[in-house]
Amino acid sequence: MRCPPAMNFDALQSAANDVIDAIDTDSLETVTADVLTTIKHQMVFIRDAAAAGKDPAAELPAGTKFTYAVLASRELASPNELMLQTRIDKVTRILIKA
């Protein structure tokens, strides 16, 4: 049986940081501040877990799930926001591959 690849914590930390930086610096026209805050908080959690060498999904409290991808898919629409969506998708790909 083939073992799944190990999580690339450095790549995950970097990808989450890219999302955080984009939220802090990009002009995001149509998305609400509450949604951006929620996404950012989840990215900080992911970044910090990855920096500690821990799987962020395994660090969530019981019964809790990440919602950033759903929020992003519902809220992001403008060209700048779609650039943020691309960064968010990268975080998701890294989490799923592990």
PDB file of N, CA and C in Angstrom:
ATOM      1  N   MET A   1       0.847  -1.178   0.000  1.00  0.00           N
ATOM      2  CA  MET A   1       0.000   0.000   0.000  1.00  0.00           C
ATOM      3  C   MET A   1       0.891   1.239   0.000  1.00  0.00           C
ATOM      4  N   ARG A   2       0.520   2.205  -0.794  1.00  0.00           N
ATOM      5  CA  ARG A   2       1.292   3.429  -0.931  1.00  0.00           C
ATOM      6  C   ARG A   2       0.946   4.421   0.172  1.00  0.00           C
ATOM      7  N   CYS A   3       1.971   4.987   0.805  1.00  0.00           N
ATOM      8  CA  CYS A   3       1.759   5.988   1.850  1.00  0.00           C
ATOM      9  C   CYS A   3       1.547   7.352   1.211  1.00  0.00           C
ATOM     10  N   PRO A   4       0.662   8.177   1.792  1.00  0.00           N
ATOM     11  CA  PRO A   4       0.483   9.523   1.254  1.00  0.00           C
ATOM     12  C   PRO A   4       1.746  10.350   1.477  1.00  0.00           C
ATOM     13  N   PRO A   5       1.994  11.323   0.607  1.00  0.00           N
ATOM     14  CA  PRO A   5       3.182  12.145   0.787  1.00  0.00           C
ATOM     15  C   PRO A   5       3.078  12.960   2.073  1.00  0.00           C
ATOM     16  N   ALA A   6       4.216  13.266   2.640  1.00  0.00           N
ATOM     17  CA  ALA A   6       4.251  14.089   3.847  1.00  0.00           C
ATOM     18  C   ALA A   6       3.856  15.521   3.495  1.00  0.00           C
ATOM     19  N   MET A   7       3.248  16.187   4.433  1.00  0.00           N
ATOM     20  CA  MET A   7       2.842  17.564   4.207  1.00  0.00           C
ATOM     21  C   MET A   7       4.081  18.445   4.102  1.00  0.00           C
ATOM     22  N   ASN A   8       4.069  19.330   3.130  1.00  0.00           N
ATOM     23  CA  ASN A   8       5.150  20.281   2.958  1.00  0.00           C
ATOM     24  C   ASN A   8       4.809  21.512   3.797  1.00  0.00           C
ATOM     25  N   PHE A   9       5.273  21.516   5.043  1.00  0.00           N
ATOM     26  CA  PHE A   9       4.930  22.586   5.979  1.00  0.00           C
ATOM     27  C   PHE A   9       5.482  23.933   5.535  1.00  0.00           C
ATOM     28  N   ASP A  10       6.672  23.946   4.938  1.00  0.00           N
ATOM     29  CA  ASP A  10       7.243  25.218   4.473  1.00  0.00           C
ATOM     30  C   ASP A  10       6.384  25.825   3.363  1.00  0.00           C
ATOM     31  N   ALA A  11       5.963  24.997   2.422  1.00  0.00           N
ATOM     32  CA  ALA A  11       5.113  25.483   1.327  1.00  0.00           C
ATOM     33  C   ALA A  11       3.764  25.950   1.865  1.00  0.00           C
ATOM     34  N   LEU A  12       3.215  25.215   2.819  1.00  0.00           N
ATOM     35  CA  LEU A  12       1.930  25.592   3.394  1.00  0.00           C
ATOM     36  C   LEU A  12       2.039  26.912   4.150  1.00  0.00           C
ATOM     37  N   GLN A  13       3.075  27.056   4.925  1.00  0.00           N
ATOM     38  CA  GLN A  13       3.287  28.299   5.669  1.00  0.00           C
ATOM     39  C   GLN A  13       3.426  29.479   4.701  1.00  0.00           C
ATOM     40  N   SER A  14       4.196  29.298   3.652  1.00  0.00           N
ATOM     41  CA  SER A  14       4.396  30.347   2.657  1.00  0.00           C
ATOM     42  C   SER A  14       3.086  30.692   1.937  1.00  0.00           C
ATOM     43  N   ALA A  15       2.327  29.676   1.556  1.00  0.00           N
ATOM     44  CA  ALA A  15       1.067  29.903   0.850  1.00  0.00           C
ATOM     45  C   ALA A  15       0.059  30.640   1.738  1.00  0.00           C
ATOM     46  N   ALA A  16      -0.032  30.249   2.992  1.00  0.00           N
ATOM     47  CA  ALA A  16      -0.938  30.938   3.918  1.00  0.00           C
ATOM     48  C   ALA A  16      -0.496  32.379   4.122  1.00  0.00           C
ATOM     49  N   ASN A  17       0.805  32.600   4.216  1.00  0.00           N
ATOM     50  CA  ASN A  17       1.329  33.968   4.339  1.00  0.00           C
ATOM     51  C   ASN A  17       0.974  34.801   3.116  1.00  0.00           C
ATOM     52  N   ASP A  18       1.015  34.201   1.931  1.00  0.00           N
ATOM     53  CA  ASP A  18       0.649  34.922   0.711  1.00  0.00           C
ATOM     54  C   ASP A  18      -0.804  35.391   0.776  1.00  0.00           C
ATOM     55  N   VAL A  19      -1.686  34.557   1.290  1.00  0.00           N
ATOM     56  CA  VAL A  19      -3.094  34.939   1.429  1.00  0.00           C
ATOM     57  C   VAL A  19      -3.223  36.091   2.432  1.00  0.00           C
ATOM     58  N   ILE A  20      -2.560  35.965   3.563  1.00  0.00           N
ATOM     59  CA  ILE A  20      -2.612  37.007   4.592  1.00  0.00           C
ATOM     60  C   ILE A  20      -2.105  38.328   4.031  1.00  0.00           C
ATOM     61  N   ASP A  21      -0.979  38.288   3.333  1.00  0.00           N
ATOM     62  CA  ASP A  21      -0.420  39.511   2.739  1.00  0.00           C
ATOM     63  C   ASP A  21      -1.388  40.131   1.736  1.00  0.00           C
ATOM     64  N   ALA A  22      -2.024  39.303   0.919  1.00  0.00           N
ATOM     65  CA  ALA A  22      -2.973  39.813  -0.079  1.00  0.00           C
ATOM     66  C   ALA A  22      -4.169  40.477   0.605  1.00  0.00           C
ATOM     67  N   ILE A  23      -4.659  39.868   1.653  1.00  0.00           N
ATOM     68  CA  ILE A  23      -5.788  40.452   2.386  1.00  0.00           C
ATOM     69  C   ILE A  23      -5.384  41.800   2.973  1.00  0.00           C
ATOM     70  N   ASP A  24      -4.164  41.883   3.479  1.00  0.00           N
ATOM     71  CA  ASP A  24      -3.698  43.115   4.114  1.00  0.00           C
ATOM     72  C   ASP A  24      -3.365  44.226   3.122  1.00  0.00           C
ATOM     73  N   THR A  25      -3.006  43.870   1.873  1.00  0.00           N
ATOM     74  CA  THR A  25      -2.479  44.890   0.964  1.00  0.00           C
ATOM     75  C   THR A  25      -3.285  45.118  -0.310  1.00  0.00           C
ATOM     76  N   ASP A  26      -4.046  44.138  -0.776  1.00  0.00           N
ATOM     77  CA  ASP A  26      -4.745  44.275  -2.052  1.00  0.00           C
ATOM     78  C   ASP A  26      -6.059  45.038  -1.891  1.00  0.00           C
ATOM     79  N   SER A  27      -6.474  45.661  -2.978  1.00  0.00           N
ATOM     80  CA  SER A  27      -7.760  46.339  -3.021  1.00  0.00           C
ATOM     81  C   SER A  27      -8.822  45.308  -3.375  1.00  0.00           C
ATOM     82  N   LEU A  28      -9.668  45.016  -2.415  1.00  0.00           N
ATOM     83  CA  LEU A  28     -10.696  43.996  -2.592  1.00  0.00           C
ATOM     84  C   LEU A  28     -12.050  44.698  -2.534  1.00  0.00           C
ATOM     85  N   GLU A  29     -12.666  44.874  -3.702  1.00  0.00           N
ATOM     86  CA  GLU A  29     -13.804  45.763  -3.852  1.00  0.00           C
ATOM     87  C   GLU A  29     -15.126  45.259  -3.293  1.00  0.00           C
ATOM     88  N   THR A  30     -15.447  44.000  -3.519  1.00  0.00           N
ATOM     89  CA  THR A  30     -16.812  43.560  -3.222  1.00  0.00           C
ATOM     90  C   THR A  30     -16.945  42.661  -1.997  1.00  0.00           C
ATOM     91  N   VAL A  31     -15.869  42.163  -1.497  1.00  0.00           N
ATOM     92  CA  VAL A  31     -15.947  41.232  -0.365  1.00  0.00           C
ATOM     93  C   VAL A  31     -16.084  42.016   0.946  1.00  0.00           C
ATOM     94  N   THR A  32     -16.878  41.478   1.855  1.00  0.00           N
ATOM     95  CA  THR A  32     -17.109  42.170   3.126  1.00  0.00           C
ATOM     96  C   THR A  32     -15.923  41.988   4.075  1.00  0.00           C
ATOM     97  N   ALA A  33     -15.792  42.954   4.957  1.00  0.00           N
ATOM     98  CA  ALA A  33     -14.691  42.921   5.931  1.00  0.00           C
ATOM     99  C   ALA A  33     -14.789  41.694   6.837  1.00  0.00           C
ATOM    100  N   ASP A  34     -16.002  41.305   7.214  1.00  0.00           N
ATOM    101  CA  ASP A  34     -16.175  40.135   8.092  1.00  0.00           C
ATOM    102  C   ASP A  34     -15.662  38.859   7.436  1.00  0.00           C
ATOM    103  N   VAL A  35     -15.944  38.709   6.151  1.00  0.00           N
ATOM    104  CA  VAL A  35     -15.476  37.519   5.438  1.00  0.00           C
ATOM    105  C   VAL A  35     -13.958  37.530   5.353  1.00  0.00           C
ATOM    106  N   LEU A  36     -13.381  38.670   5.013  1.00  0.00           N
ATOM    107  CA  LEU A  36     -11.917  38.765   4.939  1.00  0.00           C
ATOM    108  C   LEU A  36     -11.283  38.462   6.288  1.00  0.00           C
ATOM    109  N   THR A  37     -11.882  38.954   7.355  1.00  0.00           N
ATOM    110  CA  THR A  37     -11.356  38.699   8.703  1.00  0.00           C
ATOM    111  C   THR A  37     -11.401  37.211   9.020  1.00  0.00           C
ATOM    112  N   THR A  38     -12.500  36.558   8.681  1.00  0.00           N
ATOM    113  CA  THR A  38     -12.632  35.120   8.937  1.00  0.00           C
ATOM    114  C   THR A  38     -11.596  34.326   8.149  1.00  0.00           C
ATOM    115  N   ILE A  39     -11.453  34.647   6.871  1.00  0.00           N
ATOM    116  CA  ILE A  39     -10.459  33.963   6.045  1.00  0.00           C
ATOM    117  C   ILE A  39      -9.061  34.197   6.605  1.00  0.00           C
ATOM    118  N   LYS A  40      -8.771  35.442   6.967  1.00  0.00           N
ATOM    119  CA  LYS A  40      -7.440  35.765   7.493  1.00  0.00           C
ATOM    120  C   LYS A  40      -7.153  34.993   8.784  1.00  0.00           C
ATOM    121  N   HIS A  41      -8.125  34.934   9.684  1.00  0.00           N
ATOM    122  CA  HIS A  41      -7.918  34.200  10.943  1.00  0.00           C
ATOM    123  C   HIS A  41      -7.623  32.721  10.677  1.00  0.00           C
ATOM    124  N   GLN A  42      -8.318  32.134   9.720  1.00  0.00           N
ATOM    125  CA  GLN A  42      -8.062  30.740   9.397  1.00  0.00           C
ATOM    126  C   GLN A  42      -6.679  30.562   8.770  1.00  0.00           C
ATOM    127  N   MET A  43      -6.258  31.522   7.951  1.00  0.00           N
ATOM    128  CA  MET A  43      -4.927  31.450   7.342  1.00  0.00           C
ATOM    129  C   MET A  43      -3.830  31.606   8.396  1.00  0.00           C
ATOM    130  N   VAL A  44      -4.059  32.464   9.374  1.00  0.00           N
ATOM    131  CA  VAL A  44      -3.090  32.607  10.475  1.00  0.00           C
ATOM    132  C   VAL A  44      -2.986  31.289  11.239  1.00  0.00           C
ATOM    133  N   PHE A  45      -4.120  30.653  11.507  1.00  0.00           N
ATOM    134  CA  PHE A  45      -4.121  29.356  12.188  1.00  0.00           C
ATOM    135  C   PHE A  45      -3.342  28.322  11.381  1.00  0.00           C
ATOM    136  N   ILE A  46      -3.606  28.267  10.071  1.00  0.00           N
ATOM    137  CA  ILE A  46      -2.916  27.320   9.195  1.00  0.00           C
ATOM    138  C   ILE A  46      -1.423  27.622   9.167  1.00  0.00           C
ATOM    139  N   ARG A  47      -1.073  28.889   8.991  1.00  0.00           N
ATOM    140  CA  ARG A  47       0.340  29.281   8.956  1.00  0.00           C
ATOM    141  C   ARG A  47       1.058  28.899  10.242  1.00  0.00           C
ATOM    142  N   ASP A  48       0.447  29.202  11.375  1.00  0.00           N
ATOM    143  CA  ASP A  48       1.094  28.931  12.663  1.00  0.00           C
ATOM    144  C   ASP A  48       1.241  27.433  12.927  1.00  0.00           C
ATOM    145  N   ALA A  49       0.249  26.651  12.548  1.00  0.00           N
ATOM    146  CA  ALA A  49       0.348  25.195  12.709  1.00  0.00           C
ATOM    147  C   ALA A  49       1.458  24.653  11.814  1.00  0.00           C
ATOM    148  N   ALA A  50       1.500  25.124  10.578  1.00  0.00           N
ATOM    149  CA  ALA A  50       2.551  24.673   9.654  1.00  0.00           C
ATOM    150  C   ALA A  50       3.928  25.070  10.162  1.00  0.00           C
ATOM    151  N   ALA A  51       4.052  26.266  10.713  1.00  0.00           N
ATOM    152  CA  ALA A  51       5.341  26.723  11.259  1.00  0.00           C
ATOM    153  C   ALA A  51       5.796  25.830  12.410  1.00  0.00           C
ATOM    154  N   ALA A  52       4.833  25.273  13.133  1.00  0.00           N
ATOM    155  CA  ALA A  52       5.145  24.371  14.251  1.00  0.00           C
ATOM    156  C   ALA A  52       5.298  22.925  13.785  1.00  0.00           C
ATOM    157  N   GLY A  53       5.169  22.685  12.476  1.00  0.00           N
ATOM    158  CA  GLY A  53       5.316  21.336  11.947  1.00  0.00           C
ATOM    159  C   GLY A  53       4.119  20.446  12.221  1.00  0.00           C
ATOM    160  N   LYS A  54       2.937  21.065  12.347  1.00  0.00           N
ATOM    161  CA  LYS A  54       1.732  20.305  12.661  1.00  0.00           C
ATOM    162  C   LYS A  54       0.725  20.435  11.521  1.00  0.00           C
ATOM    163  N   ASP A  55      -0.038  19.377  11.300  1.00  0.00           N
ATOM    164  CA  ASP A  55      -1.107  19.391  10.313  1.00  0.00           C
ATOM    165  C   ASP A  55      -2.226  20.287  10.842  1.00  0.00           C
ATOM    166  N   PRO A  56      -2.524  21.391  10.151  1.00  0.00           N
ATOM    167  CA  PRO A  56      -3.547  22.307  10.656  1.00  0.00           C
ATOM    168  C   PRO A  56      -4.909  21.637  10.864  1.00  0.00           C
ATOM    169  N   ALA A  57      -5.312  20.747   9.985  1.00  0.00           N
ATOM    170  CA  ALA A  57      -6.608  20.085  10.126  1.00  0.00           C
ATOM    171  C   ALA A  57      -6.657  19.244  11.398  1.00  0.00           C
ATOM    172  N   ALA A  58      -5.548  18.635  11.744  1.00  0.00           N
ATOM    173  CA  ALA A  58      -5.489  17.817  12.954  1.00  0.00           C
ATOM    174  C   ALA A  58      -5.491  18.673  14.218  1.00  0.00           C
ATOM    175  N   GLU A  59      -5.147  19.937  14.084  1.00  0.00           N
ATOM    176  CA  GLU A  59      -5.087  20.848  15.229  1.00  0.00           C
ATOM    177  C   GLU A  59      -6.422  21.525  15.527  1.00  0.00           C
ATOM    178  N   LEU A  60      -7.389  21.383  14.631  1.00  0.00           N
ATOM    179  CA  LEU A  60      -8.703  21.988  14.862  1.00  0.00           C
ATOM    180  C   LEU A  60      -9.406  21.311  16.034  1.00  0.00           C
ATOM    181  N   PRO A  61     -10.168  22.078  16.795  1.00  0.00           N
ATOM    182  CA  PRO A  61     -10.971  21.462  17.856  1.00  0.00           C
ATOM    183  C   PRO A  61     -11.981  20.484  17.252  1.00  0.00           C
ATOM    184  N   ALA A  62     -12.384  19.518  18.023  1.00  0.00           N
ATOM    185  CA  ALA A  62     -13.356  18.515  17.559  1.00  0.00           C
ATOM    186  C   ALA A  62     -14.616  19.208  17.040  1.00  0.00           C
ATOM    187  N   GLY A  63     -15.095  18.729  15.904  1.00  0.00           N
ATOM    188  CA  GLY A  63     -16.316  19.272  15.329  1.00  0.00           C
ATOM    189  C   GLY A  63     -16.140  20.558  14.551  1.00  0.00           C
ATOM    190  N   THR A  64     -14.910  21.014  14.412  1.00  0.00           N
ATOM    191  CA  THR A  64     -14.626  22.268  13.705  1.00  0.00           C
ATOM    192  C   THR A  64     -14.017  21.953  12.347  1.00  0.00           C
ATOM    193  N   LYS A  65     -14.391  22.738  11.344  1.00  0.00           N
ATOM    194  CA  LYS A  65     -13.844  22.571  10.000  1.00  0.00           C
ATOM    195  C   LYS A  65     -13.406  23.928   9.466  1.00  0.00           C
ATOM    196  N   PHE A  66     -12.495  23.888   8.522  1.00  0.00           N
ATOM    197  CA  PHE A  66     -12.124  25.120   7.831  1.00  0.00           C
ATOM    198  C   PHE A  66     -13.272  25.525   6.909  1.00  0.00           C
ATOM    199  N   THR A  67     -13.567  26.813   6.872  1.00  0.00           N
ATOM    200  CA  THR A  67     -14.632  27.333   6.020  1.00  0.00           C
ATOM    201  C   THR A  67     -14.124  28.359   5.018  1.00  0.00           C
ATOM    202  N   TYR A  68     -12.824  28.640   5.041  1.00  0.00           N
ATOM    203  CA  TYR A  68     -12.281  29.708   4.203  1.00  0.00           C
ATOM    204  C   TYR A  68     -12.554  29.491   2.716  1.00  0.00           C
ATOM    205  N   ALA A  69     -12.490  28.259   2.233  1.00  0.00           N
ATOM    206  CA  ALA A  69     -12.681  27.994   0.803  1.00  0.00           C
ATOM    207  C   ALA A  69     -14.120  28.261   0.376  1.00  0.00           C
ATOM    208  N   VAL A  70     -15.077  27.881   1.213  1.00  0.00           N
ATOM    209  CA  VAL A  70     -16.483  28.133   0.906  1.00  0.00           C
ATOM    210  C   VAL A  70     -16.761  29.629   0.909  1.00  0.00           C
ATOM    211  N   LEU A  71     -16.260  30.310   1.919  1.00  0.00           N
ATOM    212  CA  LEU A  71     -16.446  31.763   1.989  1.00  0.00           C
ATOM    213  C   LEU A  71     -15.853  32.449   0.762  1.00  0.00           C
ATOM    214  N   ALA A  72     -14.652  32.047   0.401  1.00  0.00           N
ATOM    215  CA  ALA A  72     -13.980  32.656  -0.748  1.00  0.00           C
ATOM    216  C   ALA A  72     -14.762  32.409  -2.029  1.00  0.00           C
ATOM    217  N   SER A  73     -15.247  31.191  -2.220  1.00  0.00           N
ATOM    218  CA  SER A  73     -15.962  30.883  -3.460  1.00  0.00           C
ATOM    219  C   SER A  73     -17.275  31.665  -3.566  1.00  0.00           C
ATOM    220  N   ARG A  74     -17.858  32.004  -2.444  1.00  0.00           N
ATOM    221  CA  ARG A  74     -19.119  32.761  -2.449  1.00  0.00           C
ATOM    222  C   ARG A  74     -18.896  34.262  -2.582  1.00  0.00           C
ATOM    223  N   GLU A  75     -17.793  34.761  -2.085  1.00  0.00           N
ATOM    224  CA  GLU A  75     -17.608  36.202  -1.958  1.00  0.00           C
ATOM    225  C   GLU A  75     -16.687  36.849  -2.997  1.00  0.00           C
ATOM    226  N   LEU A  76     -15.702  36.125  -3.474  1.00  0.00           N
ATOM    227  CA  LEU A  76     -14.685  36.752  -4.318  1.00  0.00           C
ATOM    228  C   LEU A  76     -15.141  36.790  -5.766  1.00  0.00           C
ATOM    229  N   ALA A  77     -15.116  38.012  -6.359  1.00  0.00           N
ATOM    230  CA  ALA A  77     -15.643  38.145  -7.716  1.00  0.00           C
ATOM    231  C   ALA A  77     -14.807  39.051  -8.619  1.00  0.00           C
ATOM    232  N   SER A  78     -14.260  40.130  -8.102  1.00  0.00           N
ATOM    233  CA  SER A  78     -13.525  41.073  -8.945  1.00  0.00           C
ATOM    234  C   SER A  78     -12.181  40.469  -9.361  1.00  0.00           C
ATOM    235  N   PRO A  79     -11.531  41.050 -10.362  1.00  0.00           N
ATOM    236  CA  PRO A  79     -10.224  40.509 -10.792  1.00  0.00           C
ATOM    237  C   PRO A  79      -9.205  40.421  -9.648  1.00  0.00           C
ATOM    238  N   ASN A  80      -9.115  41.438  -8.807  1.00  0.00           N
ATOM    239  CA  ASN A  80      -8.182  41.375  -7.672  1.00  0.00           C
ATOM    240  C   ASN A  80      -8.580  40.284  -6.688  1.00  0.00           C
ATOM    241  N   GLU A  81      -9.867  40.131  -6.496  1.00  0.00           N
ATOM    242  CA  GLU A  81     -10.345  39.103  -5.583  1.00  0.00           C
ATOM    243  C   GLU A  81     -10.100  37.704  -6.146  1.00  0.00           C
ATOM    244  N   LEU A  82     -10.163  37.567  -7.450  1.00  0.00           N
ATOM    245  CA  LEU A  82      -9.866  36.264  -8.057  1.00  0.00           C
ATOM    246  C   LEU A  82      -8.388  35.916  -7.918  1.00  0.00           C
ATOM    247  N   MET A  83      -7.525  36.926  -7.848  1.00  0.00           N
ATOM    248  CA  MET A  83      -6.104  36.672  -7.558  1.00  0.00           C
ATOM    249  C   MET A  83      -5.959  36.116  -6.137  1.00  0.00           C
ATOM    250  N   LEU A  84      -6.739  36.659  -5.222  1.00  0.00           N
ATOM    251  CA  LEU A  84      -6.755  36.128  -3.855  1.00  0.00           C
ATOM    252  C   LEU A  84      -7.287  34.698  -3.854  1.00  0.00           C
ATOM    253  N   GLN A  85      -8.321  34.438  -4.647  1.00  0.00           N
ATOM    254  CA  GLN A  85      -8.879  33.086  -4.747  1.00  0.00           C
ATOM    255  C   GLN A  85      -7.807  32.097  -5.201  1.00  0.00           C
ATOM    256  N   THR A  86      -6.974  32.493  -6.137  1.00  0.00           N
ATOM    257  CA  THR A  86      -5.889  31.634  -6.622  1.00  0.00           C
ATOM    258  C   THR A  86      -4.935  31.289  -5.482  1.00  0.00           C
ATOM    259  N   ARG A  87      -4.634  32.267  -4.656  1.00  0.00           N
ATOM    260  CA  ARG A  87      -3.748  32.022  -3.503  1.00  0.00           C
ATOM    261  C   ARG A  87      -4.408  31.096  -2.487  1.00  0.00           C
ATOM    262  N   ILE A  88      -5.681  31.301  -2.265  1.00  0.00           N
ATOM    263  CA  ILE A  88      -6.426  30.446  -1.338  1.00  0.00           C
ATOM    264  C   ILE A  88      -6.468  29.011  -1.861  1.00  0.00           C
ATOM    265  N   ASP A  89      -6.684  28.868  -3.160  1.00  0.00           N
ATOM    266  CA  ASP A  89      -6.707  27.529  -3.765  1.00  0.00           C
ATOM    267  C   ASP A  89      -5.375  26.807  -3.573  1.00  0.00           C
ATOM    268  N   LYS A  90      -4.282  27.542  -3.607  1.00  0.00           N
ATOM    269  CA  LYS A  90      -2.964  26.927  -3.397  1.00  0.00           C
ATOM    270  C   LYS A  90      -2.864  26.340  -1.990  1.00  0.00           C
ATOM    271  N   VAL A  91      -3.354  27.078  -0.991  1.00  0.00           N
ATOM    272  CA  VAL A  91      -3.360  26.549   0.379  1.00  0.00           C
ATOM    273  C   VAL A  91      -4.160  25.254   0.439  1.00  0.00           C
ATOM    274  N   THR A  92      -5.321  25.276  -0.187  1.00  0.00           N
ATOM    275  CA  THR A  92      -6.179  24.087  -0.172  1.00  0.00           C
ATOM    276  C   THR A  92      -5.488  22.894  -0.844  1.00  0.00           C
ATOM    277  N   ARG A  93      -4.849  23.129  -1.994  1.00  0.00           N
ATOM    278  CA  ARG A  93      -4.151  22.034  -2.686  1.00  0.00           C
ATOM    279  C   ARG A  93      -3.077  21.424  -1.794  1.00  0.00           C
ATOM    280  N   ILE A  94      -2.333  22.241  -1.084  1.00  0.00           N
ATOM    281  CA  ILE A  94      -1.274  21.724  -0.209  1.00  0.00           C
ATOM    282  C   ILE A  94      -1.887  20.904   0.920  1.00  0.00           C
ATOM    283  N   LEU A  95      -2.973  21.395   1.505  1.00  0.00           N
ATOM    284  CA  LEU A  95      -3.631  20.657   2.592  1.00  0.00           C
ATOM    285  C   LEU A  95      -4.195  19.327   2.107  1.00  0.00           C
ATOM    286  N   ILE A  96      -4.759  19.309   0.928  1.00  0.00           N
ATOM    287  CA  ILE A  96      -5.396  18.096   0.401  1.00  0.00           C
ATOM    288  C   ILE A  96      -4.367  17.049   0.000  1.00  0.00           C
ATOM    289  N   LYS A  97      -3.238  17.473  -0.521  1.00  0.00           N
ATOM    290  CA  LYS A  97      -2.215  16.531  -0.984  1.00  0.00           C
ATOM    291  C   LYS A  97      -1.578  15.750   0.148  1.00  0.00           C
ATOM    292  N   ALA A  98      -1.644  16.279   1.343  1.00  0.00           N
ATOM    293  CA  ALA A  98      -0.981  15.600   2.469  1.00  0.00           C
ATOM    294  C   ALA A  98      -1.795  14.430   2.966  1.00  0.00           C
TER     295      ALA A  98
END
